[in-house]
Amino acid sequence: MRFSAILLAAGESRRMGAINKLTLPVAGEPLLLRTARTLLRAGLEEVVVVLGHQRHVSEPLLRDLPLCVVSNDDYLDGQMTSVHRGMAAMQQACDAVLVCLADLPLLEVADLHRLTAAFVDCPTSVLVPTYRGERGNPIVLAY
């Protein structure tokens, strides 16, 4: 199966106050950059990043990466507007899409490989990972 990803990075990070959490350092690099690089290392067909709030701060972090960056001017209307914007921007054929939040500092390539392998055997068109009974991210959707 072929997998692509939509990286959601349009939100306001309101719980962080004035700090844009996507710029905070994790393992020596901004969180947004770390998450994007993790997705790229996973061997996906395509990675689309959806920006919105403080795009002028986030976009330069991604400048040299081989991914598609799009803007969601409607990000205040909810996360699904970014999912729709990301799907509309996809160019590569794929069978499924990982919808990934940008603020996952512990996300590793091995996690993504486990998710994609689990989706291959999944009897439904949606896979939502869980941990101790709590829903998690990224999710995987048939495309």
N, C-alpha and C. Protein backbone atom coordinates (compact mmCIF):
# COMPACT_ATOMS: atom_id res chain seq x y z
N MET A 1 0.82 -1.19 0.00
CA MET A 1 0.00 0.00 0.00
C MET A 1 0.87 1.25 0.00
N ARG A 2 0.35 2.30 -0.61
CA ARG A 2 1.05 3.58 -0.66
C ARG A 2 0.40 4.54 0.35
N PHE A 3 1.25 5.18 1.15
CA PHE A 3 0.78 6.09 2.19
C PHE A 3 1.35 7.49 1.96
N SER A 4 0.52 8.49 2.23
CA SER A 4 0.95 9.89 2.25
C SER A 4 0.59 10.44 3.62
N ALA A 5 0.97 11.69 3.87
CA ALA A 5 0.66 12.30 5.17
C ALA A 5 0.23 13.74 4.99
N ILE A 6 -0.67 14.15 5.87
CA ILE A 6 -1.04 15.55 6.02
C ILE A 6 -0.60 15.95 7.42
N LEU A 7 0.27 16.93 7.50
CA LEU A 7 0.80 17.42 8.77
C LEU A 7 0.05 18.69 9.13
N LEU A 8 -0.72 18.63 10.22
CA LEU A 8 -1.55 19.75 10.64
C LEU A 8 -0.76 20.68 11.54
N ALA A 9 -0.52 21.90 11.06
CA ALA A 9 0.29 22.88 11.80
C ALA A 9 -0.32 24.27 11.71
N ALA A 10 -1.64 24.33 11.68
CA ALA A 10 -2.32 25.61 11.48
C ALA A 10 -2.88 26.22 12.75
N GLY A 11 -2.93 25.46 13.83
CA GLY A 11 -3.61 25.91 15.04
C GLY A 11 -2.91 27.03 15.78
N GLU A 12 -3.63 27.56 16.75
CA GLU A 12 -3.16 28.73 17.49
C GLU A 12 -2.30 28.42 18.71
N SER A 13 -2.25 27.19 19.15
CA SER A 13 -1.49 26.84 20.36
C SER A 13 -1.92 27.70 21.54
N ARG A 14 -3.20 27.90 21.71
CA ARG A 14 -3.72 28.80 22.74
C ARG A 14 -3.28 28.43 24.15
N ARG A 15 -3.17 27.14 24.44
CA ARG A 15 -2.79 26.74 25.80
C ARG A 15 -1.35 27.11 26.14
N MET A 16 -0.56 27.44 25.14
CA MET A 16 0.84 27.82 25.36
C MET A 16 0.99 29.33 25.59
N GLY A 17 -0.09 30.07 25.53
CA GLY A 17 -0.01 31.51 25.69
C GLY A 17 0.58 32.16 24.45
N ALA A 18 1.54 33.05 24.64
CA ALA A 18 2.13 33.78 23.52
C ALA A 18 3.17 32.97 22.75
N ILE A 19 3.58 31.84 23.30
CA ILE A 19 4.62 31.02 22.67
C ILE A 19 4.01 30.15 21.58
N ASN A 20 4.65 30.12 20.42
CA ASN A 20 4.26 29.18 19.37
C ASN A 20 4.98 27.88 19.64
N LYS A 21 4.24 26.88 20.13
CA LYS A 21 4.88 25.63 20.55
C LYS A 21 5.61 24.92 19.41
N LEU A 22 5.23 25.17 18.17
CA LEU A 22 5.89 24.50 17.06
C LEU A 22 7.32 24.98 16.84
N THR A 23 7.69 26.10 17.47
CA THR A 23 9.05 26.61 17.37
C THR A 23 9.93 26.17 18.54
N LEU A 24 9.33 25.53 19.54
CA LEU A 24 10.11 25.10 20.71
C LEU A 24 11.10 24.00 20.32
N PRO A 25 12.30 24.03 20.87
CA PRO A 25 13.31 23.03 20.50
C PRO A 25 13.02 21.65 21.11
N VAL A 26 13.16 20.64 20.27
CA VAL A 26 13.08 19.24 20.69
C VAL A 26 14.27 18.55 20.04
N ALA A 27 15.13 17.98 20.85
CA ALA A 27 16.34 17.31 20.34
C ALA A 27 17.13 18.24 19.41
N GLY A 28 17.17 19.52 19.75
CA GLY A 28 18.01 20.47 19.03
C GLY A 28 17.40 21.10 17.79
N GLU A 29 16.12 20.85 17.52
CA GLU A 29 15.48 21.48 16.37
C GLU A 29 14.04 21.85 16.72
N PRO A 30 13.46 22.83 16.02
CA PRO A 30 12.08 23.21 16.30
C PRO A 30 11.12 22.02 16.13
N LEU A 31 10.12 21.95 16.98
CA LEU A 31 9.19 20.83 16.98
C LEU A 31 8.57 20.59 15.60
N LEU A 32 8.14 21.62 14.91
CA LEU A 32 7.54 21.45 13.59
C LEU A 32 8.52 20.81 12.62
N LEU A 33 9.75 21.26 12.62
CA LEU A 33 10.76 20.70 11.74
C LEU A 33 11.03 19.23 12.09
N ARG A 34 11.10 18.93 13.37
CA ARG A 34 11.34 17.54 13.80
C ARG A 34 10.23 16.62 13.32
N THR A 35 8.98 17.05 13.49
CA THR A 35 7.86 16.21 13.07
C THR A 35 7.84 16.03 11.55
N ALA A 36 8.09 17.10 10.82
CA ALA A 36 8.11 17.01 9.35
C ALA A 36 9.22 16.06 8.88
N ARG A 37 10.39 16.18 9.46
CA ARG A 37 11.51 15.29 9.08
C ARG A 37 11.21 13.83 9.42
N THR A 38 10.53 13.60 10.52
CA THR A 38 10.17 12.23 10.88
C THR A 38 9.24 11.65 9.82
N LEU A 39 8.25 12.41 9.38
CA LEU A 39 7.36 11.94 8.33
C LEU A 39 8.12 11.68 7.03
N LEU A 40 9.02 12.56 6.67
CA LEU A 40 9.79 12.38 5.44
C LEU A 40 10.67 11.14 5.49
N ARG A 41 11.23 10.84 6.64
CA ARG A 41 12.09 9.65 6.78
C ARG A 41 11.30 8.35 6.73
N ALA A 42 9.98 8.41 6.85
CA ALA A 42 9.15 7.21 6.89
C ALA A 42 8.89 6.61 5.51
N GLY A 43 9.34 7.29 4.45
CA GLY A 43 9.18 6.74 3.11
C GLY A 43 7.77 6.87 2.54
N LEU A 44 7.08 7.91 2.91
CA LEU A 44 5.73 8.15 2.42
C LEU A 44 5.77 8.69 0.99
N GLU A 45 4.67 8.55 0.29
CA GLU A 45 4.59 9.05 -1.09
C GLU A 45 4.71 10.57 -1.13
N GLU A 46 4.11 11.22 -0.13
CA GLU A 46 4.03 12.68 -0.14
C GLU A 46 3.72 13.16 1.27
N VAL A 47 4.24 14.34 1.60
CA VAL A 47 3.89 14.99 2.87
C VAL A 47 3.39 16.40 2.53
N VAL A 48 2.16 16.68 2.96
CA VAL A 48 1.56 18.00 2.79
C VAL A 48 1.45 18.63 4.17
N VAL A 49 1.99 19.81 4.33
CA VAL A 49 1.92 20.53 5.61
C VAL A 49 0.92 21.67 5.46
N VAL A 50 -0.02 21.73 6.40
CA VAL A 50 -1.03 22.78 6.37
C VAL A 50 -0.72 23.79 7.48
N LEU A 51 -0.43 25.01 7.06
CA LEU A 51 -0.13 26.11 7.99
C LEU A 51 -1.30 27.07 8.05
N GLY A 52 -1.34 27.85 9.11
CA GLY A 52 -2.39 28.86 9.27
C GLY A 52 -1.90 29.94 10.20
N HIS A 53 -2.17 29.78 11.49
CA HIS A 53 -1.75 30.76 12.50
C HIS A 53 -0.23 30.91 12.47
N GLN A 54 0.23 32.14 12.45
CA GLN A 54 1.65 32.48 12.42
C GLN A 54 2.43 31.74 11.32
N ARG A 55 1.82 31.67 10.17
CA ARG A 55 2.47 31.02 9.03
C ARG A 55 3.85 31.63 8.77
N HIS A 56 3.97 32.93 8.96
CA HIS A 56 5.24 33.62 8.71
C HIS A 56 6.36 33.09 9.62
N VAL A 57 6.00 32.51 10.75
CA VAL A 57 6.99 31.94 11.66
C VAL A 57 7.29 30.48 11.29
N SER A 58 6.24 29.73 10.93
CA SER A 58 6.38 28.30 10.67
C SER A 58 6.98 27.98 9.30
N GLU A 59 6.57 28.71 8.29
CA GLU A 59 6.98 28.37 6.92
C GLU A 59 8.50 28.37 6.71
N PRO A 60 9.24 29.34 7.25
CA PRO A 60 10.70 29.30 7.05
C PRO A 60 11.37 28.06 7.65
N LEU A 61 10.78 27.46 8.65
CA LEU A 61 11.35 26.25 9.25
C LEU A 61 11.35 25.08 8.27
N LEU A 62 10.46 25.12 7.29
CA LEU A 62 10.27 24.00 6.36
C LEU A 62 10.87 24.26 4.98
N ARG A 63 11.48 25.41 4.81
CA ARG A 63 11.90 25.90 3.50
C ARG A 63 12.70 24.89 2.67
N ASP A 64 13.61 24.16 3.26
CA ASP A 64 14.50 23.30 2.48
C ASP A 64 14.05 21.84 2.43
N LEU A 65 12.84 21.55 2.84
CA LEU A 65 12.37 20.17 2.87
C LEU A 65 11.54 19.84 1.63
N PRO A 66 11.62 18.60 1.14
CA PRO A 66 10.86 18.20 -0.05
C PRO A 66 9.42 17.82 0.31
N LEU A 67 8.63 18.85 0.61
CA LEU A 67 7.23 18.63 0.94
C LEU A 67 6.40 19.76 0.39
N CYS A 68 5.11 19.60 0.42
CA CYS A 68 4.19 20.62 -0.06
C CYS A 68 3.65 21.40 1.13
N VAL A 69 3.77 22.71 1.09
CA VAL A 69 3.25 23.56 2.15
C VAL A 69 2.07 24.35 1.60
N VAL A 70 0.93 24.27 2.30
CA VAL A 70 -0.26 25.01 1.90
C VAL A 70 -0.79 25.81 3.09
N SER A 71 -1.58 26.79 2.78
CA SER A 71 -2.14 27.66 3.81
C SER A 71 -3.63 27.40 3.98
N ASN A 72 -4.08 27.42 5.22
CA ASN A 72 -5.50 27.33 5.52
C ASN A 72 -5.91 28.63 6.20
N ASP A 73 -6.50 29.52 5.45
CA ASP A 73 -6.95 30.78 6.00
C ASP A 73 -8.17 30.62 6.90
N ASP A 74 -8.80 29.46 6.85
CA ASP A 74 -10.00 29.19 7.65
C ASP A 74 -9.68 28.37 8.89
N TYR A 75 -8.44 28.35 9.35
CA TYR A 75 -8.05 27.50 10.47
C TYR A 75 -8.85 27.75 11.74
N LEU A 76 -9.38 28.96 11.91
CA LEU A 76 -10.19 29.26 13.09
C LEU A 76 -11.52 28.51 13.09
N ASP A 77 -11.89 27.97 11.94
CA ASP A 77 -13.14 27.21 11.83
C ASP A 77 -12.98 25.75 12.21
N GLY A 78 -11.80 25.36 12.66
CA GLY A 78 -11.61 24.00 13.16
C GLY A 78 -10.60 23.19 12.37
N GLN A 79 -10.15 22.13 13.03
CA GLN A 79 -9.10 21.28 12.49
C GLN A 79 -9.49 20.61 11.18
N MET A 80 -10.77 20.28 11.02
CA MET A 80 -11.19 19.61 9.79
C MET A 80 -10.99 20.48 8.56
N THR A 81 -11.01 21.81 8.72
CA THR A 81 -10.74 22.66 7.56
C THR A 81 -9.31 22.45 7.07
N SER A 82 -8.40 22.18 8.00
CA SER A 82 -7.01 21.91 7.60
C SER A 82 -6.88 20.53 6.96
N VAL A 83 -7.62 19.56 7.48
CA VAL A 83 -7.60 18.22 6.86
C VAL A 83 -8.09 18.32 5.42
N HIS A 84 -9.20 19.01 5.21
CA HIS A 84 -9.74 19.17 3.85
C HIS A 84 -8.76 19.91 2.95
N ARG A 85 -8.13 20.95 3.47
CA ARG A 85 -7.15 21.72 2.67
C ARG A 85 -5.97 20.84 2.29
N GLY A 86 -5.51 20.04 3.24
CA GLY A 86 -4.39 19.13 2.97
C GLY A 86 -4.74 18.09 1.92
N MET A 87 -5.93 17.52 2.03
CA MET A 87 -6.34 16.51 1.04
C MET A 87 -6.48 17.12 -0.34
N ALA A 88 -6.99 18.33 -0.40
CA ALA A 88 -7.14 19.00 -1.70
C ALA A 88 -5.80 19.29 -2.36
N ALA A 89 -4.75 19.42 -1.57
CA ALA A 89 -3.42 19.75 -2.10
C ALA A 89 -2.61 18.53 -2.50
N MET A 90 -3.06 17.35 -2.15
CA MET A 90 -2.28 16.15 -2.45
C MET A 90 -2.17 15.92 -3.95
N GLN A 91 -0.97 15.54 -4.40
CA GLN A 91 -0.71 15.34 -5.82
C GLN A 91 -0.36 13.89 -6.16
N GLN A 92 0.19 13.16 -5.22
CA GLN A 92 0.66 11.79 -5.47
C GLN A 92 -0.45 10.78 -5.19
N ALA A 93 -0.51 9.75 -5.99
CA ALA A 93 -1.48 8.68 -5.75
C ALA A 93 -1.10 7.93 -4.47
N CYS A 94 -2.11 7.60 -3.69
CA CYS A 94 -1.87 6.82 -2.48
C CYS A 94 -3.14 6.06 -2.13
N ASP A 95 -2.99 5.10 -1.23
CA ASP A 95 -4.12 4.29 -0.77
C ASP A 95 -4.66 4.77 0.57
N ALA A 96 -3.80 5.43 1.33
CA ALA A 96 -4.20 5.89 2.66
C ALA A 96 -3.39 7.12 3.05
N VAL A 97 -3.95 7.90 3.99
CA VAL A 97 -3.33 9.14 4.44
C VAL A 97 -3.20 9.11 5.95
N LEU A 98 -2.00 9.41 6.43
CA LEU A 98 -1.80 9.63 7.85
C LEU A 98 -2.10 11.09 8.13
N VAL A 99 -3.01 11.35 9.05
CA VAL A 99 -3.30 12.72 9.47
C VAL A 99 -2.57 12.91 10.79
N CYS A 100 -1.55 13.76 10.73
CA CYS A 100 -0.60 13.88 11.83
C CYS A 100 -0.60 15.29 12.41
N LEU A 101 -0.67 15.38 13.71
CA LEU A 101 -0.53 16.67 14.38
C LEU A 101 0.94 17.04 14.42
N ALA A 102 1.22 18.32 14.34
CA ALA A 102 2.62 18.77 14.31
C ALA A 102 3.27 18.74 15.68
N ASP A 103 2.47 18.67 16.73
CA ASP A 103 3.04 18.73 18.08
C ASP A 103 3.17 17.35 18.73
N LEU A 104 3.85 16.45 18.03
CA LEU A 104 4.10 15.10 18.54
C LEU A 104 5.61 14.91 18.73
N PRO A 105 6.17 15.42 19.82
CA PRO A 105 7.62 15.40 19.99
C PRO A 105 8.22 14.00 20.12
N LEU A 106 7.42 13.02 20.51
CA LEU A 106 7.95 11.67 20.69
C LEU A 106 7.74 10.77 19.47
N LEU A 107 7.14 11.29 18.41
CA LEU A 107 6.87 10.50 17.22
C LEU A 107 8.18 10.07 16.56
N GLU A 108 8.25 8.78 16.24
CA GLU A 108 9.43 8.21 15.58
C GLU A 108 9.00 7.50 14.30
N VAL A 109 9.94 7.28 13.40
CA VAL A 109 9.67 6.57 12.15
C VAL A 109 9.10 5.19 12.45
N ALA A 110 9.61 4.51 13.46
CA ALA A 110 9.11 3.18 13.81
C ALA A 110 7.63 3.21 14.17
N ASP A 111 7.18 4.28 14.81
CA ASP A 111 5.75 4.43 15.13
C ASP A 111 4.93 4.49 13.85
N LEU A 112 5.42 5.25 12.89
CA LEU A 112 4.71 5.39 11.62
C LEU A 112 4.67 4.07 10.86
N HIS A 113 5.75 3.31 10.92
CA HIS A 113 5.78 2.01 10.26
C HIS A 113 4.81 1.05 10.93
N ARG A 114 4.70 1.10 12.26
CA ARG A 114 3.72 0.24 12.95
C ARG A 114 2.29 0.61 12.55
N LEU A 115 2.02 1.92 12.44
CA LEU A 115 0.68 2.36 12.04
C LEU A 115 0.33 1.91 10.62
N THR A 116 1.27 2.09 9.70
CA THR A 116 0.97 1.72 8.32
C THR A 116 0.81 0.20 8.20
N ALA A 117 1.62 -0.57 8.92
CA ALA A 117 1.49 -2.03 8.91
C ALA A 117 0.15 -2.45 9.50
N ALA A 118 -0.26 -1.80 10.57
CA ALA A 118 -1.55 -2.12 11.19
C ALA A 118 -2.70 -1.78 10.26
N PHE A 119 -2.55 -0.69 9.50
CA PHE A 119 -3.63 -0.30 8.60
C PHE A 119 -3.81 -1.31 7.47
N VAL A 120 -2.73 -1.90 7.02
CA VAL A 120 -2.82 -2.91 5.96
C VAL A 120 -3.76 -4.04 6.38
N ASP A 121 -3.72 -4.39 7.65
CA ASP A 121 -4.56 -5.48 8.17
C ASP A 121 -5.86 -4.98 8.80
N CYS A 122 -6.12 -3.70 8.75
CA CYS A 122 -7.28 -3.11 9.40
C CYS A 122 -8.55 -3.42 8.60
N PRO A 123 -9.60 -3.91 9.27
CA PRO A 123 -10.84 -4.25 8.55
C PRO A 123 -11.71 -3.03 8.23
N THR A 124 -11.33 -1.85 8.71
CA THR A 124 -12.12 -0.64 8.46
C THR A 124 -11.29 0.35 7.65
N SER A 125 -11.90 1.45 7.27
CA SER A 125 -11.21 2.46 6.46
C SER A 125 -10.55 3.53 7.31
N VAL A 126 -10.63 3.40 8.64
CA VAL A 126 -10.02 4.35 9.57
C VAL A 126 -9.30 3.59 10.66
N LEU A 127 -8.08 4.02 10.96
CA LEU A 127 -7.32 3.44 12.07
C LEU A 127 -6.97 4.56 13.03
N VAL A 128 -7.40 4.41 14.27
CA VAL A 128 -7.09 5.38 15.32
C VAL A 128 -6.28 4.65 16.39
N PRO A 129 -5.03 5.03 16.57
CA PRO A 129 -4.23 4.37 17.60
C PRO A 129 -4.75 4.71 18.99
N THR A 130 -4.55 3.80 19.91
CA THR A 130 -4.94 4.05 21.29
C THR A 130 -3.80 3.67 22.22
N TYR A 131 -3.79 4.31 23.38
CA TYR A 131 -2.82 3.99 24.42
C TYR A 131 -3.56 4.09 25.74
N ARG A 132 -3.57 2.97 26.46
CA ARG A 132 -4.29 2.91 27.75
C ARG A 132 -5.73 3.40 27.63
N GLY A 133 -6.36 3.02 26.53
CA GLY A 133 -7.76 3.36 26.32
C GLY A 133 -8.02 4.75 25.77
N GLU A 134 -6.98 5.54 25.57
CA GLU A 134 -7.13 6.91 25.05
C GLU A 134 -6.78 6.95 23.57
N ARG A 135 -7.60 7.66 22.81
CA ARG A 135 -7.32 7.82 21.38
C ARG A 135 -6.09 8.68 21.17
N GLY A 136 -5.33 8.35 20.12
CA GLY A 136 -4.10 9.08 19.85
C GLY A 136 -3.96 9.51 18.41
N ASN A 137 -2.75 9.88 18.05
CA ASN A 137 -2.40 10.38 16.73
C ASN A 137 -1.04 9.84 16.34
N PRO A 138 -0.77 9.82 15.04
CA PRO A 138 -1.62 10.17 13.91
C PRO A 138 -2.68 9.08 13.65
N ILE A 139 -3.73 9.49 12.96
CA ILE A 139 -4.73 8.52 12.51
C ILE A 139 -4.44 8.20 11.05
N VAL A 140 -5.01 7.11 10.57
CA VAL A 140 -4.82 6.71 9.18
C VAL A 140 -6.20 6.56 8.54
N LEU A 141 -6.37 7.17 7.36
CA LEU A 141 -7.63 7.13 6.63
C LEU A 141 -7.41 6.55 5.25
N ALA A 142 -8.32 5.67 4.82
CA ALA A 142 -8.28 5.21 3.43
C ALA A 142 -8.51 6.42 2.54
N TYR A 143 -7.84 6.43 1.39
CA TYR A 143 -7.97 7.60 0.51
C TYR A 143 -8.50 7.17 -0.85
